[in-house]
Amino acid sequence: MTLGLAVGVFAISFGVGAVAAGASVWQTCAMSLLVFTGASQFSAVSVIGAGGSLGLALGGALLLAARNAVYGLAMADRIDGGLLRRLLAAQLTIDESTAMAAAQPDRRSQKLAFWVTGVSVFVWWNLGTLVGALAGNAIDPLTFGLDAAFPAAFVAMVWPLLREPLARLAALLGAVVCLATIPFTPIGVPILLAATVIVVGWRAPPPPPPPPSPNPPAADDAGSRR
């Protein structure tokens, strides 16, 4: 719940920024409901707000969202159930739910952590988006300097990841690529090119723990083997 509440604060900045970039309240809320991946949403609206094309905004967003496919592969063995349950799990497969599940010691705790975190973040993310969109629609974001919410929120999202050396290297290379290509490429292309550098910081997810043995050895048997 605490994690979901913290994510909801970021969602307020997204709602304000999306409206400032020209989206309506319902368009902003629909994006959070259907896309539900913060980095991709911030990237797409930033490109459109800066005058970039829909194709470039979509390209950058899809590239950033590609990591969720890797998370899905890692979570496939931990999530069971029918097609509808797995489709819902796919929508909730994000950084937070995958990280919380992977940190648990057993399969039961992993499933519980995944669903609780995913549902909590989904609810708070969409509530925060609605609050931000309504606030951004009621005031002029440029008058209050809220157009700076996007870059500030993006930096805040990335900052905790920079504790890893590979993440710092990826961030540095991405910044260099973005700055080097801004002068001669259309709006949105520098972000798209910079996003390709994420492969530098990619790390394979931990393998799932082995399933418990159905017939654990008795204490006497284990002692006799010694």
Foldseek 3Di string as FASTA:
>chain_A
DVVLQVLLQLLLLLLLQLVLLPDALVVLLVCCLPVVAPVLSLQLSVLSSVPHDNVLSVLLSVLVCVVLVLLLVQCVVLDDDDDVSSVVLSSLRYDQLSVQLLPDDDSVSSVVSNVVRSVSNSVSSSVSSNNNNVVNVVDPCVVVVSNCSSVVSVCVVLVVVCVDVQSVVLVVQLVVQLVVCVVPDDRSVSSSVSSVSCVSSDDRRDHHDDDDDPDDDDPVVVVVVD
